[in-house]
Amino acid sequence: MGHNRGRRTQADRDAITIEIGYAFVSASFAAALVFCGVYGPALAFDLYPTAEGTLVVAGGLLAAVVFVLRVTHLLWRFARRPENDGR
């Protein structure tokens, strides 16, 4: 506590903003691909309504997990780079 690691420069803040934006956009794209991959068979085949509902729920859950993991991975990796140590 009480360690002053210095103020971030505008370039540091810009890099963080860009990295967060990239993380959310790429995570959204990955989640959409996962959802479409899971729910796609419901669109291609005539499935029972319960099977279609199950695919929607499974696709949504898997997409949410992929989204969170992707954002976490990218931001964790960004924070661990030596040039982002706050000095």
C-alpha atoms as a PDB file:
ATOM      1  CA  MET A   1       0.000   0.000   0.000  1.00  0.00           C
ATOM      2  CA  GLY A   2       1.198   3.500  -0.479  1.00  0.00           C
ATOM      3  CA  HIS A   3       3.553   2.626  -3.333  1.00  0.00           C
ATOM      4  CA  ASN A   4       3.399   5.355  -5.925  1.00  0.00           C
ATOM      5  CA  ARG A   5       4.269   3.744  -9.209  1.00  0.00           C
ATOM      6  CA  GLY A   6       3.897   7.005 -11.089  1.00  0.00           C
ATOM      7  CA  ARG A   7       1.194   8.490 -13.232  1.00  0.00           C
ATOM      8  CA  ARG A   8       0.329   6.949 -16.552  1.00  0.00           C
ATOM      9  CA  THR A   9       1.096   8.954 -19.656  1.00  0.00           C
ATOM     10  CA  GLN A  10      -1.503   9.734 -22.281  1.00  0.00           C
ATOM     11  CA  ALA A  11       0.111   7.099 -24.510  1.00  0.00           C
ATOM     12  CA  ASP A  12      -0.310   4.518 -21.727  1.00  0.00           C
ATOM     13  CA  ARG A  13      -3.978   5.431 -21.307  1.00  0.00           C
ATOM     14  CA  ASP A  14      -4.522   5.287 -25.069  1.00  0.00           C
ATOM     15  CA  ALA A  15      -2.873   1.853 -25.256  1.00  0.00           C
ATOM     16  CA  ILE A  16      -5.088   0.565 -22.458  1.00  0.00           C
ATOM     17  CA  THR A  17      -8.209   1.945 -24.153  1.00  0.00           C
ATOM     18  CA  ILE A  18      -7.282   0.341 -27.470  1.00  0.00           C
ATOM     19  CA  GLU A  19      -6.487  -2.985 -25.809  1.00  0.00           C
ATOM     20  CA  ILE A  20      -9.821  -3.019 -23.950  1.00  0.00           C
ATOM     21  CA  GLY A  21     -11.666  -2.199 -27.178  1.00  0.00           C
ATOM     22  CA  TYR A  22      -9.818  -4.931 -29.056  1.00  0.00           C
ATOM     23  CA  ALA A  23     -10.504  -7.424 -26.269  1.00  0.00           C
ATOM     24  CA  PHE A  24     -14.246  -6.727 -26.329  1.00  0.00           C
ATOM     25  CA  VAL A  25     -14.567  -6.729 -30.127  1.00  0.00           C
ATOM     26  CA  SER A  26     -12.568  -9.933 -30.608  1.00  0.00           C
ATOM     27  CA  ALA A  27     -14.367 -11.609 -27.688  1.00  0.00           C
ATOM     28  CA  SER A  28     -17.738 -10.660 -29.173  1.00  0.00           C
ATOM     29  CA  PHE A  29     -16.709 -12.103 -32.533  1.00  0.00           C
ATOM     30  CA  ALA A  30     -15.450 -15.333 -30.944  1.00  0.00           C
ATOM     31  CA  ALA A  31     -18.621 -15.655 -28.855  1.00  0.00           C
ATOM     32  CA  ALA A  32     -20.790 -15.117 -31.949  1.00  0.00           C
ATOM     33  CA  LEU A  33     -18.883 -17.838 -33.805  1.00  0.00           C
ATOM     34  CA  VAL A  34     -19.342 -20.262 -30.902  1.00  0.00           C
ATOM     35  CA  PHE A  35     -23.051 -19.494 -30.630  1.00  0.00           C
ATOM     36  CA  CYS A  36     -23.546 -19.957 -34.376  1.00  0.00           C
ATOM     37  CA  GLY A  37     -21.569 -23.184 -34.289  1.00  0.00           C
ATOM     38  CA  VAL A  38     -23.756 -24.611 -31.544  1.00  0.00           C
ATOM     39  CA  TYR A  39     -27.090 -23.225 -32.724  1.00  0.00           C
ATOM     40  CA  GLY A  40     -26.387 -23.707 -36.454  1.00  0.00           C
ATOM     41  CA  PRO A  41     -27.799 -27.238 -36.622  1.00  0.00           C
ATOM     42  CA  ALA A  42     -31.142 -25.929 -35.370  1.00  0.00           C
ATOM     43  CA  LEU A  43     -31.275 -23.660 -38.399  1.00  0.00           C
ATOM     44  CA  ALA A  44     -30.127 -26.337 -40.839  1.00  0.00           C
ATOM     45  CA  PHE A  45     -32.338 -29.180 -39.628  1.00  0.00           C
ATOM     46  CA  ASP A  46     -35.935 -29.467 -38.522  1.00  0.00           C
ATOM     47  CA  LEU A  47     -35.428 -30.182 -34.821  1.00  0.00           C
ATOM     48  CA  TYR A  48     -37.892 -30.647 -32.012  1.00  0.00           C
ATOM     49  CA  PRO A  49     -38.632 -27.404 -30.148  1.00  0.00           C
ATOM     50  CA  THR A  50     -37.014 -28.757 -26.981  1.00  0.00           C
ATOM     51  CA  ALA A  51     -33.823 -29.606 -28.886  1.00  0.00           C
ATOM     52  CA  GLU A  52     -33.804 -26.161 -30.442  1.00  0.00           C
ATOM     53  CA  GLY A  53     -34.269 -24.551 -27.028  1.00  0.00           C
ATOM     54  CA  THR A  54     -31.470 -26.664 -25.614  1.00  0.00           C
ATOM     55  CA  LEU A  55     -29.140 -25.540 -28.405  1.00  0.00           C
ATOM     56  CA  VAL A  56     -30.020 -21.895 -27.756  1.00  0.00           C
ATOM     57  CA  VAL A  57     -29.249 -22.234 -24.048  1.00  0.00           C
ATOM     58  CA  ALA A  58     -26.071 -24.270 -24.638  1.00  0.00           C
ATOM     59  CA  GLY A  59     -24.906 -21.853 -27.328  1.00  0.00           C
ATOM     60  CA  GLY A  60     -25.583 -18.865 -25.094  1.00  0.00           C
ATOM     61  CA  LEU A  61     -23.744 -20.370 -22.147  1.00  0.00           C
ATOM     62  CA  LEU A  62     -20.747 -21.423 -24.214  1.00  0.00           C
ATOM     63  CA  ALA A  63     -20.655 -18.041 -25.936  1.00  0.00           C
ATOM     64  CA  ALA A  64     -20.654 -16.286 -22.562  1.00  0.00           C
ATOM     65  CA  VAL A  65     -17.816 -18.483 -21.318  1.00  0.00           C
ATOM     66  CA  VAL A  66     -15.773 -17.866 -24.481  1.00  0.00           C
ATOM     67  CA  PHE A  67     -16.401 -14.124 -24.192  1.00  0.00           C
ATOM     68  CA  VAL A  68     -15.218 -13.947 -20.578  1.00  0.00           C
ATOM     69  CA  LEU A  69     -12.198 -16.166 -21.203  1.00  0.00           C
ATOM     70  CA  ARG A  70     -11.137 -14.185 -24.274  1.00  0.00           C
ATOM     71  CA  VAL A  71     -11.421 -10.791 -22.556  1.00  0.00           C
ATOM     72  CA  THR A  72      -9.632 -12.097 -19.465  1.00  0.00           C
ATOM     73  CA  HIS A  73      -6.845 -13.681 -21.500  1.00  0.00           C
ATOM     74  CA  LEU A  74      -6.189 -10.616 -23.637  1.00  0.00           C
ATOM     75  CA  LEU A  75      -6.271  -8.115 -20.788  1.00  0.00           C
ATOM     76  CA  TRP A  76      -4.183 -10.351 -18.519  1.00  0.00           C
ATOM     77  CA  ARG A  77      -1.592 -10.778 -21.269  1.00  0.00           C
ATOM     78  CA  PHE A  78      -1.555  -7.014 -21.910  1.00  0.00           C
ATOM     79  CA  ALA A  79      -1.078  -6.242 -18.216  1.00  0.00           C
ATOM     80  CA  ARG A  80       1.809  -8.734 -17.950  1.00  0.00           C
ATOM     81  CA  ARG A  81       3.912  -7.117 -20.696  1.00  0.00           C
ATOM     82  CA  PRO A  82       7.033  -5.420 -19.313  1.00  0.00           C
ATOM     83  CA  GLU A  83       6.248  -2.042 -20.862  1.00  0.00           C
ATOM     84  CA  ASN A  84       2.936  -1.968 -18.952  1.00  0.00           C
ATOM     85  CA  ASP A  85       4.364  -2.239 -15.461  1.00  0.00           C
ATOM     86  CA  GLY A  86       3.371   1.349 -14.646  1.00  0.00           C
ATOM     87  CA  ARG A  87       6.886   2.785 -14.420  1.00  0.00           C
END
